[in-house]
Amino acid sequence: AWLAEDGARLFVDGDVGQAIVAESLSRGGHLTQGDLKHYRV
């Protein structure tokens, strides 16, 4: 429901995107903010 309100940016620099990056950095992942911002369909 939040995604429909905020749009795709929620998963880039919004709360969900920030959580993806934070957990990746703290729990042994490769993903950074640059990965989410760089992605193109």
ModelCIF file with pLDDT and N, C-alpha, C, O atoms, coordinates in Angstrom:
data_MODEL
#
_entry.id   MODEL 
#
_entity.id                         1 
_entity.type                       polymer 
_entity.pdbx_number_of_molecules   1 
#
_entity_poly.entity_id                      1 
_entity_poly.type                           'polypeptide(L)' 
_entity_poly.nstd_linkage                   no 
_entity_poly.nstd_monomer                   no 
_entity_poly.pdbx_seq_one_letter_code       AWLAEDGARLFVDGDVGQAIVAESLSRGGHLTQGDLKHYRV 
_entity_poly.pdbx_seq_one_letter_code_can   AWLAEDGARLFVDGDVGQAIVAESLSRGGHLTQGDLKHYRV 
_entity_poly.pdbx_strand_id                 A 
#
loop_
_entity_poly_seq.entity_id 
_entity_poly_seq.num 
_entity_poly_seq.mon_id 
_entity_poly_seq.hetero 
1 1  ALA n 
1 2  TRP n 
1 3  LEU n 
1 4  ALA n 
1 5  GLU n 
1 6  ASP n 
1 7  GLY n 
1 8  ALA n 
1 9  ARG n 
1 10 LEU n 
1 11 PHE n 
1 12 VAL n 
1 13 ASP n 
1 14 GLY n 
1 15 ASP n 
1 16 VAL n 
1 17 GLY n 
1 18 GLN n 
1 19 ALA n 
1 20 ILE n 
1 21 VAL n 
1 22 ALA n 
1 23 GLU n 
1 24 SER n 
1 25 LEU n 
1 26 SER n 
1 27 ARG n 
1 28 GLY n 
1 29 GLY n 
1 30 HIS n 
1 31 LEU n 
1 32 THR n 
1 33 GLN n 
1 34 GLY n 
1 35 ASP n 
1 36 LEU n 
1 37 LYS n 
1 38 HIS n 
1 39 TYR n 
1 40 ARG n 
1 41 VAL n 
#
_struct_asym.id          A 
_struct_asym.entity_id   1 
#
loop_
_ma_qa_metric.id 
_ma_qa_metric.mode 
_ma_qa_metric.name 
_ma_qa_metric.software_group_id 
_ma_qa_metric.type 
1 global pLDDT . pLDDT 
2 local  pLDDT . pLDDT 
#
_ma_qa_metric_global.metric_id      1 
_ma_qa_metric_global.metric_value   97.44 
_ma_qa_metric_global.model_id       1 
_ma_qa_metric_global.ordinal_id     1 
#
loop_
_ma_qa_metric_local.label_asym_id 
_ma_qa_metric_local.label_comp_id 
_ma_qa_metric_local.label_seq_id 
_ma_qa_metric_local.metric_id 
_ma_qa_metric_local.metric_value 
_ma_qa_metric_local.model_id 
_ma_qa_metric_local.ordinal_id 
A ALA 1  2 98.00 1 1  
A TRP 2  2 98.00 1 2  
A LEU 3  2 98.00 1 3  
A ALA 4  2 98.00 1 4  
A GLU 5  2 97.00 1 5  
A ASP 6  2 97.00 1 6  
A GLY 7  2 97.00 1 7  
A ALA 8  2 97.00 1 8  
A ARG 9  2 97.00 1 9  
A LEU 10 2 98.00 1 10 
A PHE 11 2 98.00 1 11 
A VAL 12 2 97.00 1 12 
A ASP 13 2 96.00 1 13 
A GLY 14 2 98.00 1 14 
A ASP 15 2 98.00 1 15 
A VAL 16 2 98.00 1 16 
A GLY 17 2 98.00 1 17 
A GLN 18 2 98.00 1 18 
A ALA 19 2 98.00 1 19 
A ILE 20 2 98.00 1 20 
A VAL 21 2 98.00 1 21 
A ALA 22 2 97.00 1 22 
A GLU 23 2 97.00 1 23 
A SER 24 2 97.00 1 24 
A LEU 25 2 96.00 1 25 
A SER 26 2 96.00 1 26 
A ARG 27 2 96.00 1 27 
A GLY 28 2 97.00 1 28 
A GLY 29 2 97.00 1 29 
A HIS 30 2 97.00 1 30 
A LEU 31 2 98.00 1 31 
A THR 32 2 98.00 1 32 
A GLN 33 2 97.00 1 33 
A GLY 34 2 98.00 1 34 
A ASP 35 2 98.00 1 35 
A LEU 36 2 98.00 1 36 
A LYS 37 2 98.00 1 37 
A HIS 38 2 97.00 1 38 
A TYR 39 2 98.00 1 39 
A ARG 40 2 97.00 1 40 
A VAL 41 2 98.00 1 41 
#
loop_
_atom_site.group_PDB 
_atom_site.id 
_atom_site.type_symbol 
_atom_site.label_atom_id 
_atom_site.label_alt_id 
_atom_site.label_comp_id 
_atom_site.label_asym_id 
_atom_site.label_entity_id 
_atom_site.label_seq_id 
_atom_site.pdbx_PDB_ins_code 
_atom_site.Cartn_x 
_atom_site.Cartn_y 
_atom_site.Cartn_z 
_atom_site.occupancy 
_atom_site.B_iso_or_equiv 
_atom_site.pdbx_formal_charge 
_atom_site.auth_seq_id 
_atom_site.auth_comp_id 
_atom_site.auth_asym_id 
_atom_site.auth_atom_id 
_atom_site.pdbx_PDB_model_num 
ATOM 1   N N  . ALA A 1 1  ? 0.836  -1.206  0.000   1.00 98.00 ? 1  ALA A N  1 
ATOM 2   C CA . ALA A 1 1  ? 0.000  0.000   0.000   1.00 98.00 ? 1  ALA A CA 1 
ATOM 3   C C  . ALA A 1 1  ? 0.870  1.254   0.000   1.00 98.00 ? 1  ALA A C  1 
ATOM 4   O O  . ALA A 1 1  ? 0.559  2.227   -0.687  1.00 98.00 ? 1  ALA A O  1 
ATOM 5   N N  . TRP A 1 2  ? 1.935  1.233   0.753   1.00 98.00 ? 2  TRP A N  1 
ATOM 6   C CA . TRP A 1 2  ? 2.864  2.366   0.815   1.00 98.00 ? 2  TRP A CA 1 
ATOM 7   C C  . TRP A 1 2  ? 3.553  2.560   -0.533  1.00 98.00 ? 2  TRP A C  1 
ATOM 8   O O  . TRP A 1 2  ? 3.757  3.689   -0.979  1.00 98.00 ? 2  TRP A O  1 
ATOM 9   N N  . LEU A 1 3  ? 3.906  1.453   -1.173  1.00 98.00 ? 3  LEU A N  1 
ATOM 10  C CA . LEU A 1 3  ? 4.552  1.515   -2.484  1.00 98.00 ? 3  LEU A CA 1 
ATOM 11  C C  . LEU A 1 3  ? 3.651  2.197   -3.508  1.00 98.00 ? 3  LEU A C  1 
ATOM 12  O O  . LEU A 1 3  ? 4.119  2.999   -4.316  1.00 98.00 ? 3  LEU A O  1 
ATOM 13  N N  . ALA A 1 4  ? 2.367  1.879   -3.474  1.00 98.00 ? 4  ALA A N  1 
ATOM 14  C CA . ALA A 1 4  ? 1.430  2.512   -4.402  1.00 98.00 ? 4  ALA A CA 1 
ATOM 15  C C  . ALA A 1 4  ? 1.341  4.016   -4.175  1.00 98.00 ? 4  ALA A C  1 
ATOM 16  O O  . ALA A 1 4  ? 1.103  4.776   -5.113  1.00 98.00 ? 4  ALA A O  1 
ATOM 17  N N  . GLU A 1 5  ? 1.528  4.438   -2.946  1.00 97.00 ? 5  GLU A N  1 
ATOM 18  C CA . GLU A 1 5  ? 1.484  5.871   -2.601  1.00 97.00 ? 5  GLU A CA 1 
ATOM 19  C C  . GLU A 1 5  ? 2.771  6.581   -3.015  1.00 97.00 ? 5  GLU A C  1 
ATOM 20  O O  . GLU A 1 5  ? 2.724  7.644   -3.635  1.00 97.00 ? 5  GLU A O  1 
ATOM 21  N N  . ASP A 1 6  ? 3.908  6.001   -2.676  1.00 97.00 ? 6  ASP A N  1 
ATOM 22  C CA . ASP A 1 6  ? 5.200  6.683   -2.844  1.00 97.00 ? 6  ASP A CA 1 
ATOM 23  C C  . ASP A 1 6  ? 5.865  6.423   -4.185  1.00 97.00 ? 6  ASP A C  1 
ATOM 24  O O  . ASP A 1 6  ? 6.695  7.218   -4.626  1.00 97.00 ? 6  ASP A O  1 
ATOM 25  N N  . GLY A 1 7  ? 5.515  5.325   -4.838  1.00 97.00 ? 7  GLY A N  1 
ATOM 26  C CA . GLY A 1 7  ? 6.149  4.986   -6.101  1.00 97.00 ? 7  GLY A CA 1 
ATOM 27  C C  . GLY A 1 7  ? 7.448  4.227   -5.911  1.00 97.00 ? 7  GLY A C  1 
ATOM 28  O O  . GLY A 1 7  ? 7.828  3.882   -4.792  1.00 97.00 ? 7  GLY A O  1 
ATOM 29  N N  . ALA A 1 8  ? 8.126  3.972   -7.032  1.00 97.00 ? 8  ALA A N  1 
ATOM 30  C CA . ALA A 1 8  ? 9.315  3.117   -7.025  1.00 97.00 ? 8  ALA A CA 1 
ATOM 31  C C  . ALA A 1 8  ? 10.447 3.675   -6.174  1.00 97.00 ? 8  ALA A C  1 
ATOM 32  O O  . ALA A 1 8  ? 11.303 2.915   -5.721  1.00 97.00 ? 8  ALA A O  1 
ATOM 33  N N  . ARG A 1 9  ? 10.473 4.993   -5.945  1.00 97.00 ? 9  ARG A N  1 
ATOM 34  C CA . ARG A 1 9  ? 11.549 5.592   -5.146  1.00 97.00 ? 9  ARG A CA 1 
ATOM 35  C C  . ARG A 1 9  ? 11.576 5.015   -3.728  1.00 97.00 ? 9  ARG A C  1 
ATOM 36  O O  . ARG A 1 9  ? 12.614 5.062   -3.068  1.00 97.00 ? 9  ARG A O  1 
ATOM 37  N N  . LEU A 1 10 ? 10.449 4.469   -3.248  1.00 98.00 ? 10 LEU A N  1 
ATOM 38  C CA . LEU A 1 10 ? 10.424 3.858   -1.918  1.00 98.00 ? 10 LEU A CA 1 
ATOM 39  C C  . LEU A 1 10 ? 11.481 2.764   -1.809  1.00 98.00 ? 10 LEU A C  1 
ATOM 40  O O  . LEU A 1 10 ? 12.035 2.537   -0.733  1.00 98.00 ? 10 LEU A O  1 
ATOM 41  N N  . PHE A 1 11 ? 11.760 2.089   -2.917  1.00 98.00 ? 11 PHE A N  1 
ATOM 42  C CA . PHE A 1 11 ? 12.723 0.992   -2.932  1.00 98.00 ? 11 PHE A CA 1 
ATOM 43  C C  . PHE A 1 11 ? 14.111 1.443   -3.384  1.00 98.00 ? 11 PHE A C  1 
ATOM 44  O O  . PHE A 1 11 ? 15.003 0.614   -3.562  1.00 98.00 ? 11 PHE A O  1 
ATOM 45  N N  . VAL A 1 12 ? 14.299 2.739   -3.569  1.00 97.00 ? 12 VAL A N  1 
ATOM 46  C CA . VAL A 1 12 ? 15.605 3.273   -3.965  1.00 97.00 ? 12 VAL A CA 1 
ATOM 47  C C  . VAL A 1 12 ? 16.195 4.088   -2.819  1.00 97.00 ? 12 VAL A C  1 
ATOM 48  O O  . VAL A 1 12 ? 17.114 3.630   -2.139  1.00 97.00 ? 12 VAL A O  1 
ATOM 49  N N  . ASP A 1 13 ? 15.677 5.282   -2.605  1.00 96.00 ? 13 ASP A N  1 
ATOM 50  C CA . ASP A 1 13 ? 16.177 6.105   -1.503  1.00 96.00 ? 13 ASP A CA 1 
ATOM 51  C C  . ASP A 1 13 ? 15.144 6.339   -0.418  1.00 96.00 ? 13 ASP A C  1 
ATOM 52  O O  . ASP A 1 13 ? 15.386 7.107   0.513   1.00 96.00 ? 13 ASP A O  1 
ATOM 53  N N  . GLY A 1 14 ? 13.978 5.679   -0.528  1.00 98.00 ? 14 GLY A N  1 
ATOM 54  C CA . GLY A 1 14 ? 12.976 5.720   0.524   1.00 98.00 ? 14 GLY A CA 1 
ATOM 55  C C  . GLY A 1 14 ? 13.308 4.750   1.639   1.00 98.00 ? 14 GLY A C  1 
ATOM 56  O O  . GLY A 1 14 ? 14.405 4.195   1.682   1.00 98.00 ? 14 GLY A O  1 
ATOM 57  N N  . ASP A 1 15 ? 12.364 4.546   2.539   1.00 98.00 ? 15 ASP A N  1 
ATOM 58  C CA . ASP A 1 15 ? 12.620 3.723   3.722   1.00 98.00 ? 15 ASP A CA 1 
ATOM 59  C C  . ASP A 1 15 ? 13.004 2.285   3.390   1.00 98.00 ? 15 ASP A C  1 
ATOM 60  O O  . ASP A 1 15 ? 13.886 1.714   4.032   1.00 98.00 ? 15 ASP A O  1 
ATOM 61  N N  . VAL A 1 16 ? 12.348 1.699   2.390   1.00 98.00 ? 16 VAL A N  1 
ATOM 62  C CA . VAL A 1 16 ? 12.670 0.307   2.043   1.00 98.00 ? 16 VAL A CA 1 
ATOM 63  C C  . VAL A 1 16 ? 14.065 0.223   1.440   1.00 98.00 ? 16 VAL A C  1 
ATOM 64  O O  . VAL A 1 16 ? 14.849 -0.655  1.801   1.00 98.00 ? 16 VAL A O  1 
ATOM 65  N N  . GLY A 1 17 ? 14.377 1.133   0.521   1.00 98.00 ? 17 GLY A N  1 
ATOM 66  C CA . GLY A 1 17 ? 15.711 1.145   -0.069  1.00 98.00 ? 17 GLY A CA 1 
ATOM 67  C C  . GLY A 1 17 ? 16.796 1.337   0.973   1.00 98.00 ? 17 GLY A C  1 
ATOM 68  O O  . GLY A 1 17 ? 17.835 0.679   0.919   1.00 98.00 ? 17 GLY A O  1 
ATOM 69  N N  . GLN A 1 18 ? 16.563 2.234   1.920   1.00 98.00 ? 18 GLN A N  1 
ATOM 70  C CA . GLN A 1 18 ? 17.544 2.472   2.978   1.00 98.00 ? 18 GLN A CA 1 
ATOM 71  C C  . GLN A 1 18 ? 17.724 1.231   3.841   1.00 98.00 ? 18 GLN A C  1 
ATOM 72  O O  . GLN A 1 18 ? 18.834 0.928   4.281   1.00 98.00 ? 18 GLN A O  1 
ATOM 73  N N  . ALA A 1 19 ? 16.622 0.508   4.083   1.00 98.00 ? 19 ALA A N  1 
ATOM 74  C CA . ALA A 1 19 ? 16.728 -0.728  4.878   1.00 98.00 ? 19 ALA A CA 1 
ATOM 75  C C  . ALA A 1 19 ? 17.506 -1.804  4.121   1.00 98.00 ? 19 ALA A C  1 
ATOM 76  O O  . ALA A 1 19 ? 18.303 -2.528  4.716   1.00 98.00 ? 19 ALA A O  1 
ATOM 77  N N  . ILE A 1 20 ? 17.276 -1.909  2.811   1.00 98.00 ? 20 ILE A N  1 
ATOM 78  C CA . ILE A 1 20 ? 18.024 -2.873  1.999   1.00 98.00 ? 20 ILE A CA 1 
ATOM 79  C C  . ILE A 1 20 ? 19.520 -2.610  2.111   1.00 98.00 ? 20 ILE A C  1 
ATOM 80  O O  . ILE A 1 20 ? 20.308 -3.531  2.328   1.00 98.00 ? 20 ILE A O  1 
ATOM 81  N N  . VAL A 1 21 ? 19.899 -1.357  1.961   1.00 98.00 ? 21 VAL A N  1 
ATOM 82  C CA . VAL A 1 21 ? 21.318 -1.000  1.990   1.00 98.00 ? 21 VAL A CA 1 
ATOM 83  C C  . VAL A 1 21 ? 21.906 -1.202  3.379   1.00 98.00 ? 21 VAL A C  1 
ATOM 84  O O  . VAL A 1 21 ? 22.997 -1.755  3.513   1.00 98.00 ? 21 VAL A O  1 
ATOM 85  N N  . ALA A 1 22 ? 21.195 -0.760  4.414   1.00 97.00 ? 22 ALA A N  1 
ATOM 86  C CA . ALA A 1 22 ? 21.698 -0.875  5.779   1.00 97.00 ? 22 ALA A CA 1 
ATOM 87  C C  . ALA A 1 22 ? 21.941 -2.334  6.157   1.00 97.00 ? 22 ALA A C  1 
ATOM 88  O O  . ALA A 1 22 ? 22.972 -2.663  6.743   1.00 97.00 ? 22 ALA A O  1 
ATOM 89  N N  . GLU A 1 23 ? 20.999 -3.203  5.824   1.00 97.00 ? 23 GLU A N  1 
ATOM 90  C CA . GLU A 1 23 ? 21.151 -4.610  6.175   1.00 97.00 ? 23 GLU A CA 1 
ATOM 91  C C  . GLU A 1 23 ? 22.238 -5.276  5.344   1.00 97.00 ? 23 GLU A C  1 
ATOM 92  O O  . GLU A 1 23 ? 22.957 -6.147  5.835   1.00 97.00 ? 23 GLU A O  1 
ATOM 93  N N  . SER A 1 24 ? 22.356 -4.868  4.091   1.00 97.00 ? 24 SER A N  1 
ATOM 94  C CA . SER A 1 24 ? 23.417 -5.418  3.256   1.00 97.00 ? 24 SER A CA 1 
ATOM 95  C C  . SER A 1 24 ? 24.786 -5.058  3.824   1.00 97.00 ? 24 SER A C  1 
ATOM 96  O O  . SER A 1 24 ? 25.664 -5.915  3.922   1.00 97.00 ? 24 SER A O  1 
ATOM 97  N N  . LEU A 1 25 ? 24.967 -3.805  4.196   1.00 96.00 ? 25 LEU A N  1 
ATOM 98  C CA . LEU A 1 25 ? 26.258 -3.363  4.730   1.00 96.00 ? 25 LEU A CA 1 
ATOM 99  C C  . LEU A 1 25 ? 26.586 -4.012  6.066   1.00 96.00 ? 25 LEU A C  1 
ATOM 100 O O  . LEU A 1 25 ? 27.742 -4.335  6.337   1.00 96.00 ? 25 LEU A O  1 
ATOM 101 N N  . SER A 1 26 ? 25.565 -4.203  6.905   1.00 96.00 ? 26 SER A N  1 
ATOM 102 C CA . SER A 1 26 ? 25.815 -4.702  8.254   1.00 96.00 ? 26 SER A CA 1 
ATOM 103 C C  . SER A 1 26 ? 25.798 -6.222  8.352   1.00 96.00 ? 26 SER A C  1 
ATOM 104 O O  . SER A 1 26 ? 26.303 -6.785  9.323   1.00 96.00 ? 26 SER A O  1 
ATOM 105 N N  . ARG A 1 27 ? 25.216 -6.897  7.348   1.00 96.00 ? 27 ARG A N  1 
ATOM 106 C CA . ARG A 1 27 ? 25.051 -8.347  7.443   1.00 96.00 ? 27 ARG A CA 1 
ATOM 107 C C  . ARG A 1 27 ? 25.734 -9.107  6.307   1.00 96.00 ? 27 ARG A C  1 
ATOM 108 O O  . ARG A 1 27 ? 25.347 -10.234 6.001   1.00 96.00 ? 27 ARG A O  1 
ATOM 109 N N  . GLY A 1 28 ? 26.737 -8.509  5.685   1.00 97.00 ? 28 GLY A N  1 
ATOM 110 C CA . GLY A 1 28 ? 27.546 -9.260  4.745   1.00 97.00 ? 28 GLY A CA 1 
ATOM 111 C C  . GLY A 1 28 ? 27.049 -9.318  3.324   1.00 97.00 ? 28 GLY A C  1 
ATOM 112 O O  . GLY A 1 28 ? 27.332 -10.279 2.608   1.00 97.00 ? 28 GLY A O  1 
ATOM 113 N N  . GLY A 1 29 ? 26.293 -8.281  2.887   1.00 97.00 ? 29 GLY A N  1 
ATOM 114 C CA . GLY A 1 29 ? 25.839 -8.236  1.508   1.00 97.00 ? 29 GLY A CA 1 
ATOM 115 C C  . GLY A 1 29 ? 26.712 -7.349  0.636   1.00 97.00 ? 29 GLY A C  1 
ATOM 116 O O  . GLY A 1 29 ? 27.600 -6.655  1.133   1.00 97.00 ? 29 GLY A O  1 
ATOM 117 N N  . HIS A 1 30 ? 26.457 -7.374  -0.668  1.00 97.00 ? 30 HIS A N  1 
ATOM 118 C CA . HIS A 1 30 ? 27.213 -6.567  -1.623  1.00 97.00 ? 30 HIS A CA 1 
ATOM 119 C C  . HIS A 1 30 ? 26.496 -5.270  -1.994  1.00 97.00 ? 30 HIS A C  1 
ATOM 120 O O  . HIS A 1 30 ? 27.138 -4.332  -2.466  1.00 97.00 ? 30 HIS A O  1 
ATOM 121 N N  . LEU A 1 31 ? 25.189 -5.196  -1.792  1.00 98.00 ? 31 LEU A N  1 
ATOM 122 C CA . LEU A 1 31 ? 24.396 -4.104  -2.335  1.00 98.00 ? 31 LEU A CA 1 
ATOM 123 C C  . LEU A 1 31 ? 24.627 -2.791  -1.593  1.00 98.00 ? 31 LEU A C  1 
ATOM 124 O O  . LEU A 1 31 ? 24.747 -2.762  -0.368  1.00 98.00 ? 31 LEU A O  1 
ATOM 125 N N  . THR A 1 32 ? 24.688 -1.699  -2.370  1.00 98.00 ? 32 THR A N  1 
ATOM 126 C CA . THR A 1 32 ? 24.841 -0.347  -1.835  1.00 98.00 ? 32 THR A CA 1 
ATOM 127 C C  . THR A 1 32 ? 23.768 0.545   -2.441  1.00 98.00 ? 32 THR A C  1 
ATOM 128 O O  . THR A 1 32 ? 23.003 0.119   -3.306  1.00 98.00 ? 32 THR A O  1 
ATOM 129 N N  . GLN A 1 33 ? 23.721 1.774   -1.981  1.00 97.00 ? 33 GLN A N  1 
ATOM 130 C CA . GLN A 1 33 ? 22.781 2.730   -2.547  1.00 97.00 ? 33 GLN A CA 1 
ATOM 131 C C  . GLN A 1 33 ? 23.019 2.920   -4.043  1.00 97.00 ? 33 GLN A C  1 
ATOM 132 O O  . GLN A 1 33 ? 22.079 3.118   -4.812  1.00 97.00 ? 33 GLN A O  1 
ATOM 133 N N  . GLY A 1 34 ? 24.288 2.858   -4.443  1.00 98.00 ? 34 GLY A N  1 
ATOM 134 C CA . GLY A 1 34 ? 24.621 2.999   -5.856  1.00 98.00 ? 34 GLY A CA 1 
ATOM 135 C C  . GLY A 1 34 ? 23.972 1.930   -6.720  1.00 98.00 ? 34 GLY A C  1 
ATOM 136 O O  . GLY A 1 34 ? 23.554 2.214   -7.843  1.00 98.00 ? 34 GLY A O  1 
ATOM 137 N N  . ASP A 1 35 ? 23.880 0.701   -6.213  1.00 98.00 ? 35 ASP A N  1 
ATOM 138 C CA . ASP A 1 35 ? 23.243 -0.370  -6.977  1.00 98.00 ? 35 ASP A CA 1 
ATOM 139 C C  . ASP A 1 35 ? 21.769 -0.064  -7.238  1.00 98.00 ? 35 ASP A C  1 
ATOM 140 O O  . ASP A 1 35 ? 21.280 -0.233  -8.355  1.00 98.00 ? 35 ASP A O  1 
ATOM 141 N N  . LEU A 1 36 ? 21.069 0.386   -6.204  1.00 98.00 ? 36 LEU A N  1 
ATOM 142 C CA . LEU A 1 36 ? 19.643 0.669   -6.346  1.00 98.00 ? 36 LEU A CA 1 
ATOM 143 C C  . LEU A 1 36 ? 19.399 1.853   -7.272  1.00 98.00 ? 36 LEU A C  1 
ATOM 144 O O  . LEU A 1 36 ? 18.452 1.842   -8.058  1.00 98.00 ? 36 LEU A O  1 
ATOM 145 N N  . LYS A 1 37 ? 20.247 2.872   -7.184  1.00 98.00 ? 37 LYS A N  1 
ATOM 146 C CA . LYS A 1 37 ? 20.074 4.062   -8.027  1.00 98.00 ? 37 LYS A CA 1 
ATOM 147 C C  . LYS A 1 37 ? 20.480 3.805   -9.476  1.00 98.00 ? 37 LYS A C  1 
ATOM 148 O O  . LYS A 1 37 ? 19.938 4.419   -10.395 1.00 98.00 ? 37 LYS A O  1 
ATOM 149 N N  . HIS A 1 38 ? 21.420 2.909   -9.676  1.00 97.00 ? 38 HIS A N  1 
ATOM 150 C CA . HIS A 1 38 ? 21.947 2.645   -11.013 1.00 97.00 ? 38 HIS A CA 1 
ATOM 151 C C  . HIS A 1 38 ? 21.010 1.775   -11.843 1.00 97.00 ? 38 HIS A C  1 
ATOM 152 O O  . HIS A 1 38 ? 21.054 1.822   -13.072 1.00 97.00 ? 38 HIS A O  1 
ATOM 153 N N  . TYR A 1 39 ? 20.158 0.979   -11.188 1.00 98.00 ? 39 TYR A N  1 
ATOM 154 C CA . TYR A 1 39 ? 19.348 -0.003  -11.893 1.00 98.00 ? 39 TYR A CA 1 
ATOM 155 C C  . TYR A 1 39 ? 18.386 0.666   -12.879 1.00 98.00 ? 39 TYR A C  1 
ATOM 156 O O  . TYR A 1 39 ? 17.747 1.665   -12.549 1.00 98.00 ? 39 TYR A O  1 
ATOM 157 N N  . ARG A 1 40 ? 18.286 0.104   -14.097 1.00 97.00 ? 40 ARG A N  1 
ATOM 158 C CA . ARG A 1 40 ? 17.358 0.588   -15.107 1.00 97.00 ? 40 ARG A CA 1 
ATOM 159 C C  . ARG A 1 40 ? 16.622 -0.597  -15.747 1.00 97.00 ? 40 ARG A C  1 
ATOM 160 O O  . ARG A 1 40 ? 17.224 -1.633  -16.027 1.00 97.00 ? 40 ARG A O  1 
ATOM 161 N N  . VAL A 1 41 ? 15.335 -0.430  -15.969 1.00 98.00 ? 41 VAL A N  1 
ATOM 162 C CA . VAL A 1 41 ? 14.560 -1.417  -16.724 1.00 98.00 ? 41 VAL A CA 1 
ATOM 163 C C  . VAL A 1 41 ? 14.970 -1.326  -18.186 1.00 98.00 ? 41 VAL A C  1 
ATOM 164 O O  . VAL A 1 41 ? 14.448 -2.066  -19.021 1.00 98.00 ? 41 VAL A O  1 
#
